[in-house]
Amino acid sequence: MRYTKVMSLQDVRTREVRTSRDVLEVECSRLSMLGPSSHFLEGFEKPRVEVEPR
């Protein structure tokens, strides 16, 4: 039972990470359409740092 619970928690965490990555990809695609700029780099680095620790 405990092993199953641990696996379910890992699965939930994996889904959260995938969702965060999908959101970042969408945001990056939007910003890339606007054109490369220093603001684009800042917007990409900040969420990336927040997602990795989770």
PDB file of N, CA and C in Angstrom:
ATOM      1  N   MET A   1       0.838  -1.207   0.000  1.00  0.00           N
ATOM      2  CA  MET A   1       0.000   0.000   0.000  1.00  0.00           C
ATOM      3  C   MET A   1       0.873   1.257   0.000  1.00  0.00           C
ATOM      4  N   ARG A   2       1.874   1.254   0.868  1.00  0.00           N
ATOM      5  CA  ARG A   2       2.736   2.440   0.930  1.00  0.00           C
ATOM      6  C   ARG A   2       3.453   2.660  -0.402  1.00  0.00           C
ATOM      7  N   TYR A   3       3.912   1.553  -1.004  1.00  0.00           N
ATOM      8  CA  TYR A   3       4.619   1.663  -2.282  1.00  0.00           C
ATOM      9  C   TYR A   3       3.704   2.273  -3.338  1.00  0.00           C
ATOM     10  N   THR A   4       2.445   1.867  -3.334  1.00  0.00           N
ATOM     11  CA  THR A   4       1.483   2.403  -4.303  1.00  0.00           C
ATOM     12  C   THR A   4       1.276   3.898  -4.073  1.00  0.00           C
ATOM     13  N   LYS A   5       1.187   4.292  -2.810  1.00  0.00           N
ATOM     14  CA  LYS A   5       0.982   5.708  -2.495  1.00  0.00           C
ATOM     15  C   LYS A   5       2.175   6.539  -2.964  1.00  0.00           C
ATOM     16  N   VAL A   6       3.381   6.011  -2.735  1.00  0.00           N
ATOM     17  CA  VAL A   6       4.587   6.737  -3.158  1.00  0.00           C
ATOM     18  C   VAL A   6       4.593   6.908  -4.671  1.00  0.00           C
ATOM     19  N   MET A   7       4.239   5.842  -5.381  1.00  0.00           N
ATOM     20  CA  MET A   7       4.211   5.914  -6.841  1.00  0.00           C
ATOM     21  C   MET A   7       3.183   6.935  -7.309  1.00  0.00           C
ATOM     22  N   SER A   8       2.039   6.990  -6.629  1.00  0.00           N
ATOM     23  CA  SER A   8       1.000   7.936  -7.028  1.00  0.00           C
ATOM     24  C   SER A   8       1.489   9.364  -6.805  1.00  0.00           C
ATOM     25  N   LEU A   9       2.214   9.590  -5.703  1.00  0.00           N
ATOM     26  CA  LEU A   9       2.737  10.930  -5.431  1.00  0.00           C
ATOM     27  C   LEU A   9       3.753  11.320  -6.500  1.00  0.00           C
ATOM     28  N   GLN A  10       4.621  10.378  -6.880  1.00  0.00           N
ATOM     29  CA  GLN A  10       5.607  10.659  -7.923  1.00  0.00           C
ATOM     30  C   GLN A  10       4.908  10.968  -9.239  1.00  0.00           C
ATOM     31  N   ASP A  11       3.827  10.248  -9.521  1.00  0.00           N
ATOM     32  CA  ASP A  11       3.087  10.459 -10.761  1.00  0.00           C
ATOM     33  C   ASP A  11       2.479  11.858 -10.768  1.00  0.00           C
ATOM     34  N   VAL A  12       1.937  12.268  -9.630  1.00  0.00           N
ATOM     35  CA  VAL A  12       1.346  13.611  -9.530  1.00  0.00           C
ATOM     36  C   VAL A  12       2.428  14.664  -9.734  1.00  0.00           C
ATOM     37  N   ARG A  13       3.585  14.475  -9.107  1.00  0.00           N
ATOM     38  CA  ARG A  13       4.680  15.440  -9.258  1.00  0.00           C
ATOM     39  C   ARG A  13       5.132  15.511 -10.708  1.00  0.00           C
ATOM     40  N   THR A  14       5.216  14.350 -11.348  1.00  0.00           N
ATOM     41  CA  THR A  14       5.630  14.323 -12.752  1.00  0.00           C
ATOM     42  C   THR A  14       4.635  15.094 -13.608  1.00  0.00           C
ATOM     43  N   ARG A  15       3.345  14.919 -13.324  1.00  0.00           N
ATOM     44  CA  ARG A  15       2.323  15.623 -14.099  1.00  0.00           C
ATOM     45  C   ARG A  15       2.438  17.123 -13.889  1.00  0.00           C
ATOM     46  N   GLU A  16       2.726  17.547 -12.642  1.00  0.00           N
ATOM     47  CA  GLU A  16       2.872  18.974 -12.357  1.00  0.00           C
ATOM     48  C   GLU A  16       4.048  19.553 -13.138  1.00  0.00           C
ATOM     49  N   VAL A  17       5.158  18.801 -13.170  1.00  0.00           N
ATOM     50  CA  VAL A  17       6.344  19.271 -13.899  1.00  0.00           C
ATOM     51  C   VAL A  17       6.043  19.365 -15.384  1.00  0.00           C
ATOM     52  N   ARG A  18       5.373  18.342 -15.918  1.00  0.00           N
ATOM     53  CA  ARG A  18       5.033  18.356 -17.346  1.00  0.00           C
ATOM     54  C   ARG A  18       4.127  19.536 -17.657  1.00  0.00           C
ATOM     55  N   THR A  19       3.158  19.788 -16.778  1.00  0.00           N
ATOM     56  CA  THR A  19       2.242  20.912 -16.994  1.00  0.00           C
ATOM     57  C   THR A  19       3.019  22.220 -16.987  1.00  0.00           C
ATOM     58  N   SER A  20       3.945  22.364 -16.035  1.00  0.00           N
ATOM     59  CA  SER A  20       4.742  23.591 -15.954  1.00  0.00           C
ATOM     60  C   SER A  20       5.574  23.766 -17.217  1.00  0.00           C
ATOM     61  N   ARG A  21       6.154  22.668 -17.700  1.00  0.00           N
ATOM     62  CA  ARG A  21       6.960  22.736 -18.922  1.00  0.00           C
ATOM     63  C   ARG A  21       6.096  23.129 -20.107  1.00  0.00           C
ATOM     64  N   ASP A  22       4.887  22.576 -20.167  1.00  0.00           N
ATOM     65  CA  ASP A  22       3.982  22.920 -21.268  1.00  0.00           C
ATOM     66  C   ASP A  22       3.659  24.409 -21.231  1.00  0.00           C
ATOM     67  N   VAL A  23       3.405  24.939 -20.034  1.00  0.00           N
ATOM     68  CA  VAL A  23       3.097  26.368 -19.891  1.00  0.00           C
ATOM     69  C   VAL A  23       4.291  27.200 -20.342  1.00  0.00           C
ATOM     70  N   LEU A  24       5.497  26.798 -19.939  1.00  0.00           N
ATOM     71  CA  LEU A  24       6.695  27.541 -20.330  1.00  0.00           C
ATOM     72  C   LEU A  24       6.863  27.514 -21.843  1.00  0.00           C
ATOM     73  N   GLU A  25       6.616  26.359 -22.448  1.00  0.00           N
ATOM     74  CA  GLU A  25       6.755  26.249 -23.904  1.00  0.00           C
ATOM     75  C   GLU A  25       5.770  27.176 -24.604  1.00  0.00           C
ATOM     76  N   VAL A  26       4.543  27.252 -24.100  1.00  0.00           N
ATOM     77  CA  VAL A  26       3.537  28.132 -24.705  1.00  0.00           C
ATOM     78  C   VAL A  26       3.956  29.589 -24.556  1.00  0.00           C
ATOM     79  N   GLU A  27       4.400  29.965 -23.351  1.00  0.00           N
ATOM     80  CA  GLU A  27       4.817  31.349 -23.120  1.00  0.00           C
ATOM     81  C   GLU A  27       6.027  31.695 -23.988  1.00  0.00           C
ATOM     82  N   CYS A  28       6.978  30.776 -24.079  1.00  0.00           N
ATOM     83  CA  CYS A  28       8.175  31.023 -24.886  1.00  0.00           C
ATOM     84  C   CYS A  28       7.796  31.188 -26.354  1.00  0.00           C
ATOM     85  N   SER A  29       6.851  30.389 -26.828  1.00  0.00           N
ATOM     86  CA  SER A  29       6.429  30.489 -28.228  1.00  0.00           C
ATOM     87  C   SER A  29       5.762  31.843 -28.469  1.00  0.00           C
ATOM     88  N   ARG A  30       4.983  32.315 -27.498  1.00  0.00           N
ATOM     89  CA  ARG A  30       4.335  33.626 -27.639  1.00  0.00           C
ATOM     90  C   ARG A  30       5.380  34.734 -27.711  1.00  0.00           C
ATOM     91  N   LEU A  31       6.343  34.685 -26.764  1.00  0.00           N
ATOM     92  CA  LEU A  31       7.367  35.727 -26.722  1.00  0.00           C
ATOM     93  C   LEU A  31       8.263  35.660 -27.953  1.00  0.00           C
ATOM     94  N   SER A  32       8.546  34.452 -28.436  1.00  0.00           N
ATOM     95  CA  SER A  32       9.408  34.315 -29.612  1.00  0.00           C
ATOM     96  C   SER A  32       8.733  34.948 -30.832  1.00  0.00           C
ATOM     97  N   MET A  33       7.395  34.904 -30.874  1.00  0.00           N
ATOM     98  CA  MET A  33       6.670  35.527 -31.981  1.00  0.00           C
ATOM     99  C   MET A  33       6.825  37.046 -31.926  1.00  0.00           C
ATOM    100  N   LEU A  34       6.922  37.586 -30.715  1.00  0.00           N
ATOM    101  CA  LEU A  34       7.085  39.035 -30.561  1.00  0.00           C
ATOM    102  C   LEU A  34       8.490  39.452 -30.986  1.00  0.00           C
ATOM    103  N   GLY A  35       9.442  38.541 -30.858  1.00  0.00           N
ATOM    104  CA  GLY A  35      10.811  38.843 -31.263  1.00  0.00           C
ATOM    105  C   GLY A  35      11.764  38.705 -30.093  1.00  0.00           C
ATOM    106  N   PRO A  36      13.032  38.359 -30.354  1.00  0.00           N
ATOM    107  CA  PRO A  36      14.019  38.196 -29.285  1.00  0.00           C
ATOM    108  C   PRO A  36      14.339  39.530 -28.612  1.00  0.00           C
ATOM    109  N   SER A  37      14.504  39.486 -27.294  1.00  0.00           N
ATOM    110  CA  SER A  37      14.843  40.709 -26.554  1.00  0.00           C
ATOM    111  C   SER A  37      15.326  40.324 -25.164  1.00  0.00           C
ATOM    112  N   SER A  38      15.882  41.281 -24.433  1.00  0.00           N
ATOM    113  CA  SER A  38      16.354  41.008 -23.078  1.00  0.00           C
ATOM    114  C   SER A  38      15.167  40.637 -22.184  1.00  0.00           C
ATOM    115  N   HIS A  39      14.002  41.217 -22.450  1.00  0.00           N
ATOM    116  CA  HIS A  39      12.807  40.916 -21.653  1.00  0.00           C
ATOM    117  C   HIS A  39      12.420  39.451 -21.834  1.00  0.00           C
ATOM    118  N   PHE A  40      12.585  38.920 -23.039  1.00  0.00           N
ATOM    119  CA  PHE A  40      12.268  37.515 -23.314  1.00  0.00           C
ATOM    120  C   PHE A  40      13.169  36.603 -22.478  1.00  0.00           C
ATOM    121  N   LEU A  41      14.453  36.933 -22.392  1.00  0.00           N
ATOM    122  CA  LEU A  41      15.381  36.110 -21.623  1.00  0.00           C
ATOM    123  C   LEU A  41      15.033  36.154 -20.142  1.00  0.00           C
ATOM    124  N   GLU A  42      14.700  37.328 -19.624  1.00  0.00           N
ATOM    125  CA  GLU A  42      14.355  37.459 -18.208  1.00  0.00           C
ATOM    126  C   GLU A  42      13.081  36.675 -17.903  1.00  0.00           C
ATOM    127  N   GLY A  43      12.083  36.781 -18.772  1.00  0.00           N
ATOM    128  CA  GLY A  43      10.823  36.083 -18.562  1.00  0.00           C
ATOM    129  C   GLY A  43      10.995  34.577 -18.619  1.00  0.00           C
ATOM    130  N   PHE A  44      11.987  34.105 -19.382  1.00  0.00           N
ATOM    131  CA  PHE A  44      12.196  32.661 -19.516  1.00  0.00           C
ATOM    132  C   PHE A  44      12.983  32.116 -18.327  1.00  0.00           C
ATOM    133  N   GLU A  45      13.958  32.870 -17.838  1.00  0.00           N
ATOM    134  CA  GLU A  45      14.803  32.387 -16.746  1.00  0.00           C
ATOM    135  C   GLU A  45      14.060  32.337 -15.410  1.00  0.00           C
ATOM    136  N   LYS A  46      13.238  33.324 -15.121  1.00  0.00           N
ATOM    137  CA  LYS A  46      12.567  33.373 -13.815  1.00  0.00           C
ATOM    138  C   LYS A  46      11.661  32.166 -13.574  1.00  0.00           C
ATOM    139  N   PRO A  47      10.730  31.836 -14.485  1.00  0.00           N
ATOM    140  CA  PRO A  47       9.885  30.658 -14.250  1.00  0.00           C
ATOM    141  C   PRO A  47      10.700  29.368 -14.227  1.00  0.00           C
ATOM    142  N   ARG A  48      11.758  29.321 -15.024  1.00  0.00           N
ATOM    143  CA  ARG A  48      12.575  28.115 -15.101  1.00  0.00           C
ATOM    144  C   ARG A  48      13.202  27.825 -13.737  1.00  0.00           C
ATOM    145  N   VAL A  49      13.681  28.858 -13.053  1.00  0.00           N
ATOM    146  CA  VAL A  49      14.309  28.678 -11.739  1.00  0.00           C
ATOM    147  C   VAL A  49      13.270  28.249 -10.711  1.00  0.00           C
ATOM    148  N   GLU A  50      12.049  28.761 -10.823  1.00  0.00           N
ATOM    149  CA  GLU A  50      10.999  28.430  -9.860  1.00  0.00           C
ATOM    150  C   GLU A  50      10.507  26.992 -10.035  1.00  0.00           C
ATOM    151  N   VAL A  51      10.549  26.482 -11.252  1.00  0.00           N
ATOM    152  CA  VAL A  51      10.000  25.147 -11.521  1.00  0.00           C
ATOM    153  C   VAL A  51      10.963  24.042 -11.092  1.00  0.00           C
ATOM    154  N   GLU A  52      12.261  24.214 -11.313  1.00  0.00           N
ATOM    155  CA  GLU A  52      13.230  23.151 -11.047  1.00  0.00           C
ATOM    156  C   GLU A  52      13.220  22.627  -9.606  1.00  0.00           C
ATOM    157  N   PRO A  53      13.169  23.495  -8.570  1.00  0.00           N
ATOM    158  CA  PRO A  53      13.175  22.971  -7.190  1.00  0.00           C
ATOM    159  C   PRO A  53      11.977  22.073  -6.893  1.00  0.00           C
ATOM    160  N   ARG A  54      10.844  22.312  -7.532  1.00  0.00           N
ATOM    161  CA  ARG A  54       9.654  21.509  -7.281  1.00  0.00           C
ATOM    162  C   ARG A  54       9.847  20.121  -7.865  1.00  0.00           C
TER     163      ARG A  54
END
